[in-house]
Amino acid sequence: MRARVAVAILATVVLAAVAVGVALLSGAARPDVPTTPFAAPPVTGLPAGPGVLARSTAEGPEYGRLVVAGRGRRDVLALACVRVYAAGGTGVCLREEADAPGSYETVLFDTRLRKTWSSPFAGVPSRARVSASGRMVSWTVFVQGDSYSDAGAFSTRSGILDTRTGDVAGTLETFAVTRDGRPYEAADVNFWGVTFAADDNRFYATMSTGGRTYLVEGDFAARRVRTLRQNVECPSLSPDGTRLAFKKPQPGGTWRPAVLDLATMSETPLAETRAVDDQPAWLDDRTVMYGVKRGARHSDVWAVPADGGGRARLLVPDAESPAPLG
C-alpha cells in the first residue's frame, strides 16, 4: 500500500509539472545552441527528405548531439539529447538539465528545433517514442531505489502525453491491468518501451511482474492494459500496423531482435546474431534498425530485413537511438 501511495504522489508531482509545461505548447523558444565550436555550424532544423535521426556517439564536439544521416550526408543538429525520437513534426528529447547536472527533463521540439514543451523527471533516460501523427509522446526512465524485489536496484517508469489535449499519464503503473483475462494488481508492476498505433489511443509496451515480462496492449483514454503474450520486450509497431519488432530475451540475460506478426502471433528471428539491448525502430515496412553498443561510450546503428532473411548492415556509424525521417 505504501508503494502504491508513493507512486500516486509521484504521479501527482509529474502532473503538476506537466500542467505548467503544457502552457509552453503555444510558445516558441530559441533552439538549444551548442557552445563548443564545430567544423561547420550546426543545423538549426530537421533537414527535409528521407534520412535517419539519431544521437551521435562520435568523439569530439559532435558527441551527444543529434545527427541526421541520409543521401550520403551527416548533418549535425543544434540539439543534444540522451535519447531522441521524432515523427509527424514532433520530436522528443530526453536530456540532462543545463542548470542542474545529474537531473533530466523531457523536451518536445518542432522541425526547427524550437522547444514547445518540457517537464523534469526523476530517473535516467531509457526509451522515447512519438506516434506517427506526432500527437502522442512517450518516455521511459530508469529509477533507482524503486524496485520492490531488490532494494536499491533500478526499475522503470513510463509516461505518455497527448500533445493535443495536454492529457498525461505520469506513470503507466496507475493503469488497470488485465493479465490472462483477469484483473491483476501487484506492487512490482513496471512498464517500458511504448509504441503507438495509428489511432493515437492504442499502444503496445512491455510489462514486468513476478519475474516475467509481457507484451501488453493499452488503451490510453480508458487507462487500462491487457497482456497478449510473454517474452516480448521493447516493441515497435511497423508502419503498416501489422507487426512488432522487439528484442527477444535469450539465455544469459541478453536479447536478439525479432518480429511478431500480430495476426498469427508467430515470431520471426532476424538475421542479427549479436546481443541487442535497444528498442528497435522501423526504417520502412521491410527494414528494422537498432543500436549496437561498441564499448562504453560508442554505438552504431544497424539495419536488417524484417522477414528474417539477408544479413545485418551498418546504417549509421557512431550513432544510437535512431528514428526514421521522411
Protein backbone atom coordinates (compact mmCIF):
# COMPACT_ATOMS: atom_id res chain seq x y z
CA MET A 1 0.00 0.00 0.00
CA ARG A 2 2.84 2.40 0.85
CA ALA A 3 4.41 1.65 -2.54
CA ARG A 4 1.15 2.49 -4.33
CA VAL A 5 0.78 5.72 -2.35
CA ALA A 6 4.33 6.68 -3.29
CA VAL A 7 3.56 6.10 -6.96
CA ALA A 8 0.38 8.15 -6.69
CA ILE A 9 2.26 11.03 -5.07
CA LEU A 10 4.92 10.92 -7.78
CA ALA A 11 2.28 10.91 -10.49
CA THR A 12 0.68 13.97 -8.89
CA VAL A 13 4.01 15.78 -8.90
CA VAL A 14 4.55 14.88 -12.55
CA LEU A 15 1.06 16.05 -13.43
CA ALA A 16 1.71 19.39 -11.76
CA ALA A 17 4.94 19.83 -13.70
CA VAL A 18 3.17 18.90 -16.91
CA ALA A 19 0.34 21.35 -16.24
CA VAL A 20 2.93 24.11 -16.12
CA GLY A 21 4.72 22.73 -19.17
CA VAL A 22 1.59 22.49 -21.31
CA ALA A 23 1.34 26.27 -21.16
CA LEU A 24 4.56 26.33 -23.17
CA LEU A 25 3.00 24.47 -26.09
CA SER A 26 1.98 27.72 -27.77
CA GLY A 27 5.28 29.46 -27.04
CA ALA A 28 8.35 29.14 -29.27
CA ALA A 29 11.71 29.24 -27.55
CA ARG A 30 15.02 29.52 -29.37
CA PRO A 31 16.88 26.35 -30.36
CA ASP A 32 19.49 24.99 -27.97
CA VAL A 33 22.73 26.26 -29.49
CA PRO A 34 25.92 24.34 -28.66
CA THR A 35 28.79 26.28 -27.14
CA THR A 36 31.56 24.01 -28.47
CA PRO A 37 32.75 25.05 -31.95
CA PHE A 38 32.13 22.73 -34.89
CA ALA A 39 33.97 22.41 -38.19
CA ALA A 40 30.70 23.65 -39.74
CA PRO A 41 27.83 25.47 -37.99
CA PRO A 42 25.28 23.03 -36.57
CA VAL A 43 21.96 22.78 -38.38
CA THR A 44 19.05 24.55 -36.63
CA GLY A 45 16.26 22.45 -38.16
CA LEU A 46 15.46 18.94 -39.30
CA PRO A 47 16.69 18.56 -42.90
CA ALA A 48 13.99 17.79 -45.46
CA GLY A 49 13.84 14.45 -47.20
CA PRO A 50 14.45 10.85 -46.11
CA GLY A 51 17.06 10.11 -43.52
CA VAL A 52 17.71 8.78 -40.03
CA LEU A 53 17.66 10.99 -36.94
CA ALA A 54 19.95 9.71 -34.19
CA ARG A 55 22.18 10.67 -31.28
CA SER A 56 25.85 10.90 -32.19
CA THR A 57 28.45 8.88 -30.28
CA ALA A 58 31.37 10.20 -32.34
CA GLU A 59 34.15 11.64 -30.21
CA GLY A 60 34.68 15.40 -30.23
CA PRO A 61 32.19 18.28 -30.23
CA GLU A 62 29.61 16.14 -32.06
CA TYR A 63 29.29 13.67 -29.18
CA GLY A 64 25.76 13.63 -27.76
CA ARG A 65 24.39 15.98 -30.45
CA LEU A 66 21.63 14.90 -32.79
CA VAL A 67 22.57 13.99 -36.33
CA VAL A 68 20.59 13.29 -39.48
CA ALA A 69 22.18 10.79 -41.84
CA GLY A 70 20.99 10.24 -45.41
CA ARG A 71 21.81 10.77 -49.07
CA GLY A 72 25.50 10.49 -48.32
CA ARG A 73 25.40 13.33 -45.75
CA ARG A 74 25.63 13.57 -41.98
CA ASP A 75 24.19 16.82 -40.63
CA VAL A 76 24.92 17.78 -37.02
CA LEU A 77 21.98 19.49 -35.32
CA ALA A 78 21.98 22.22 -32.68
CA LEU A 79 20.46 20.00 -30.01
CA ALA A 80 21.94 17.45 -27.59
CA CYS A 81 19.97 14.53 -26.13
CA VAL A 82 20.47 11.24 -24.32
CA ARG A 83 17.50 9.65 -26.13
CA VAL A 84 15.55 11.03 -29.09
CA TYR A 85 12.69 10.20 -31.43
CA ALA A 86 10.67 12.23 -33.92
CA ALA A 87 7.63 11.77 -36.17
CA GLY A 88 4.81 13.87 -37.60
CA GLY A 89 6.59 17.16 -36.92
CA THR A 90 7.10 16.42 -33.20
CA GLY A 91 10.41 15.46 -31.61
CA VAL A 92 11.08 14.23 -28.08
CA CYS A 93 14.46 14.69 -26.42
CA LEU A 94 15.39 13.19 -23.05
CA ARG A 95 18.34 15.21 -21.82
CA GLU A 96 20.26 16.48 -18.82
CA GLU A 97 19.04 19.81 -17.49
CA ALA A 98 21.53 22.56 -18.31
CA ASP A 99 21.33 24.25 -14.91
CA ALA A 100 21.05 21.05 -12.85
CA PRO A 101 23.73 18.46 -13.72
CA GLY A 102 22.55 14.96 -12.90
CA SER A 103 18.90 15.93 -13.33
CA TYR A 104 16.96 15.20 -16.51
CA GLU A 105 13.99 16.54 -18.43
CA THR A 106 11.71 15.60 -21.29
CA VAL A 107 11.70 18.25 -24.03
CA LEU A 108 9.44 18.38 -27.07
CA PHE A 109 10.68 20.24 -30.15
CA ASP A 110 9.40 21.11 -33.61
CA THR A 111 11.03 20.78 -37.03
CA ARG A 112 13.02 23.97 -36.40
CA LEU A 113 14.31 22.52 -33.11
CA ARG A 114 12.29 25.04 -31.10
CA LYS A 115 11.27 23.83 -27.65
CA THR A 116 7.48 23.53 -27.40
CA TRP A 117 7.13 21.79 -24.03
CA SER A 118 9.31 20.48 -21.22
CA SER A 119 9.00 18.73 -17.87
CA PRO A 120 11.60 17.40 -15.42
CA PHE A 121 11.65 13.79 -14.33
CA ALA A 122 13.38 11.71 -11.69
CA GLY A 123 15.50 8.98 -13.25
CA VAL A 124 17.87 8.17 -16.09
CA PRO A 125 16.67 8.29 -19.75
CA SER A 126 15.99 4.91 -21.35
CA ARG A 127 13.42 4.99 -24.21
CA ALA A 128 11.48 7.61 -26.19
CA ARG A 129 8.75 7.37 -28.82
CA VAL A 130 6.39 9.58 -30.84
CA SER A 131 3.29 8.38 -32.70
CA ALA A 132 3.31 8.64 -36.50
CA SER A 133 0.99 11.67 -36.40
CA GLY A 134 3.20 13.47 -33.88
CA ARG A 135 0.35 13.70 -31.38
CA MET A 136 1.33 11.10 -28.75
CA VAL A 137 4.68 11.08 -26.95
CA SER A 138 6.13 8.53 -24.54
CA TRP A 139 9.25 8.28 -22.41
CA THR A 140 10.78 5.59 -20.20
CA VAL A 141 13.31 6.22 -17.45
CA PHE A 142 15.30 4.07 -15.04
CA VAL A 143 14.54 4.87 -11.41
CA GLN A 144 16.88 3.75 -8.63
CA GLY A 145 15.55 2.58 -5.30
CA ASP A 146 12.09 1.91 -6.75
CA SER A 147 12.42 -1.84 -7.17
CA TYR A 148 10.11 -3.87 -4.94
CA SER A 149 12.13 -7.07 -5.37
CA ASP A 150 15.62 -5.69 -4.70
CA ALA A 151 16.03 -2.57 -2.57
CA GLY A 152 18.29 -0.03 -4.26
CA ALA A 153 18.05 -1.66 -7.68
CA PHE A 154 16.77 0.03 -10.82
CA SER A 155 13.22 -0.24 -12.06
CA THR A 156 11.47 1.56 -14.92
CA ARG A 157 8.74 4.14 -15.20
CA SER A 158 6.96 5.12 -18.41
CA GLY A 159 4.71 8.09 -19.14
CA ILE A 160 2.54 9.21 -22.06
CA LEU A 161 1.50 12.72 -23.13
CA ASP A 162 -1.26 13.67 -25.57
CA THR A 163 0.13 16.89 -27.04
CA ARG A 164 -3.25 17.89 -28.50
CA THR A 165 -5.23 17.80 -25.27
CA GLY A 166 -2.47 18.04 -22.66
CA ASP A 167 -3.71 14.77 -21.11
CA VAL A 168 -0.82 12.99 -19.40
CA ALA A 169 -0.19 9.72 -17.63
CA GLY A 170 2.85 10.37 -15.46
CA THR A 171 3.31 6.63 -14.92
CA LEU A 172 1.59 3.65 -16.55
CA GLU A 173 1.68 1.94 -13.17
CA THR A 174 -1.63 3.68 -12.41
CA PHE A 175 -3.37 1.88 -15.33
CA ALA A 176 -5.74 -1.03 -14.66
CA VAL A 177 -4.11 -4.33 -15.70
CA THR A 178 -5.78 -7.44 -17.10
CA ARG A 179 -3.45 -10.44 -17.11
CA ASP A 180 -4.55 -13.61 -18.88
CA GLY A 181 -8.12 -12.31 -18.97
CA ARG A 182 -8.37 -11.47 -15.26
CA PRO A 183 -7.88 -8.21 -13.31
CA TYR A 184 -4.39 -8.10 -11.86
CA GLU A 185 -2.72 -5.97 -9.19
CA ALA A 186 0.83 -6.22 -7.84
CA ALA A 187 3.30 -3.83 -6.26
CA ASP A 188 6.12 -4.88 -8.59
CA VAL A 189 4.46 -3.92 -11.91
CA ASN A 190 6.79 -1.98 -14.23
CA PHE A 191 6.40 -0.76 -17.83
CA TRP A 192 8.82 0.26 -20.57
CA GLY A 193 9.23 0.58 -24.33
CA VAL A 194 5.94 2.15 -25.54
CA THR A 195 4.94 2.19 -29.22
CA PHE A 196 1.76 3.76 -30.64
CA ALA A 197 -0.91 2.57 -33.08
CA ALA A 198 -2.30 4.79 -35.86
CA ASP A 199 -5.42 5.79 -33.89
CA ASP A 200 -3.29 7.70 -31.31
CA ASN A 201 -5.03 5.87 -28.46
CA ARG A 202 -3.98 2.22 -28.61
CA PHE A 203 -0.39 1.38 -27.72
CA TYR A 204 1.89 -1.56 -27.00
CA ALA A 205 4.52 -1.82 -24.27
CA THR A 206 6.43 -4.23 -22.06
CA MET A 207 5.17 -5.02 -18.56
CA SER A 208 7.14 -6.93 -15.95
CA THR A 209 5.78 -8.54 -12.80
CA GLY A 210 6.58 -11.63 -10.77
CA GLY A 211 9.86 -12.15 -12.59
CA ARG A 212 8.16 -12.36 -16.02
CA THR A 213 7.83 -9.93 -18.92
CA TYR A 214 4.69 -9.48 -21.00
CA LEU A 215 3.69 -7.72 -24.18
CA VAL A 216 0.68 -5.56 -23.32
CA GLU A 217 -1.83 -3.71 -25.47
CA GLY A 218 -3.01 -0.47 -23.89
CA ASP A 219 -5.95 1.92 -24.18
CA PHE A 220 -4.74 5.41 -23.22
CA ALA A 221 -8.18 7.02 -22.88
CA ALA A 222 -9.51 4.16 -20.73
CA ARG A 223 -6.28 3.93 -18.69
CA ARG A 224 -6.00 0.16 -18.99
CA VAL A 225 -3.72 -2.52 -20.44
CA ARG A 226 -4.07 -6.23 -21.15
CA THR A 227 -1.40 -8.88 -21.62
CA LEU A 228 -1.01 -10.54 -25.03
CA ARG A 229 1.96 -12.88 -24.55
CA GLN A 230 5.22 -13.31 -22.65
CA ASN A 231 8.85 -12.52 -23.57
CA VAL A 232 8.29 -9.60 -25.94
CA GLU A 233 10.35 -6.59 -24.85
CA CYS A 234 10.65 -3.05 -26.23
CA PRO A 235 8.07 -3.45 -29.02
CA SER A 236 8.00 -1.20 -32.09
CA LEU A 237 4.94 -1.21 -34.37
CA SER A 238 5.57 -1.45 -38.11
CA PRO A 239 4.38 1.41 -40.38
CA ASP A 240 1.60 -0.81 -41.75
CA GLY A 241 0.48 -1.70 -38.20
CA THR A 242 0.67 -5.48 -38.71
CA ARG A 243 3.93 -6.43 -36.94
CA LEU A 244 6.00 -5.63 -33.90
CA ALA A 245 9.78 -5.57 -33.96
CA PHE A 246 11.12 -6.34 -30.48
CA LYS A 247 14.05 -7.70 -28.51
CA LYS A 248 13.67 -11.36 -27.59
CA PRO A 249 15.20 -12.49 -24.27
CA GLN A 250 18.00 -15.04 -24.65
CA PRO A 251 19.72 -17.34 -22.16
CA GLY A 252 22.36 -15.47 -20.19
CA GLY A 253 20.42 -12.22 -19.93
CA THR A 254 20.89 -10.92 -23.48
CA TRP A 255 18.46 -10.12 -26.31
CA ARG A 256 18.19 -10.67 -30.06
CA PRO A 257 15.89 -8.76 -32.45
CA ALA A 258 12.77 -10.49 -33.78
CA VAL A 259 9.44 -9.62 -35.42
CA LEU A 260 6.00 -10.65 -34.18
CA ASP A 261 3.06 -11.00 -36.60
CA LEU A 262 0.07 -9.60 -34.71
CA ALA A 263 -2.49 -11.58 -36.70
CA THR A 264 -0.90 -15.01 -36.15
CA MET A 265 1.32 -14.27 -33.11
CA SER A 266 4.14 -16.05 -34.92
CA GLU A 267 7.73 -14.90 -34.31
CA THR A 268 10.49 -14.43 -36.87
CA PRO A 269 14.08 -14.16 -35.60
CA LEU A 270 16.04 -11.56 -37.54
CA ALA A 271 19.45 -12.07 -39.15
CA GLU A 272 21.37 -10.43 -36.31
CA THR A 273 23.45 -12.73 -34.13
CA ARG A 274 24.86 -10.12 -31.73
CA ALA A 275 23.24 -9.08 -28.46
CA VAL A 276 20.97 -6.07 -28.99
CA ASP A 277 19.72 -4.09 -25.99
CA ASP A 278 17.60 -1.47 -27.75
CA GLN A 279 14.04 -0.66 -28.73
CA PRO A 280 14.08 -1.27 -32.50
CA ALA A 281 12.70 1.22 -35.00
CA TRP A 282 11.36 0.66 -38.50
CA LEU A 283 13.30 2.28 -41.32
CA ASP A 284 10.45 1.26 -43.62
CA ASP A 285 7.95 -1.63 -43.83
CA ARG A 286 10.69 -4.04 -44.84
CA THR A 287 13.61 -2.96 -42.64
CA VAL A 288 14.27 -2.82 -38.90
CA MET A 289 17.06 -0.69 -37.38
CA TYR A 290 18.60 -0.63 -33.92
CA GLY A 291 21.67 0.46 -31.98
CA VAL A 292 24.54 -1.90 -31.17
CA LYS A 293 26.93 -0.94 -28.38
CA ARG A 294 30.63 -0.68 -29.16
CA GLY A 295 32.29 -0.16 -25.82
CA ALA A 296 31.06 2.06 -23.01
CA ARG A 297 30.57 5.30 -24.99
CA HIS A 298 30.07 4.27 -28.59
CA SER A 299 27.30 2.68 -30.65
CA ASP A 300 26.43 2.15 -34.31
CA VAL A 301 23.01 1.91 -35.94
CA TRP A 302 22.49 -1.29 -37.92
CA ALA A 303 19.64 -2.41 -40.19
CA VAL A 304 18.32 -5.86 -41.07
CA PRO A 305 15.46 -7.19 -43.25
CA ALA A 306 12.22 -7.66 -41.30
CA ASP A 307 11.45 -11.02 -42.94
CA GLY A 308 14.35 -12.86 -41.29
CA GLY A 309 16.43 -13.06 -44.44
CA GLY A 310 19.52 -11.23 -45.61
CA ARG A 311 22.09 -10.01 -43.14
CA ALA A 312 22.70 -7.04 -40.86
CA ARG A 313 24.33 -3.97 -42.42
CA LEU A 314 25.86 -0.86 -40.92
CA LEU A 315 23.43 2.01 -41.45
CA VAL A 316 24.77 4.95 -39.38
CA PRO A 317 28.20 4.70 -37.73
CA ASP A 318 28.82 6.33 -34.36
CA ALA A 319 25.12 6.74 -33.55
CA GLU A 320 22.27 5.41 -31.40
CA SER A 321 18.57 5.99 -30.67
CA PRO A 322 17.52 6.02 -34.36
CA ALA A 323 14.25 7.39 -35.78
CA PRO A 324 13.21 7.41 -39.46
CA LEU A 325 12.61 10.78 -41.15
CA GLY A 326 10.79 11.48 -44.43
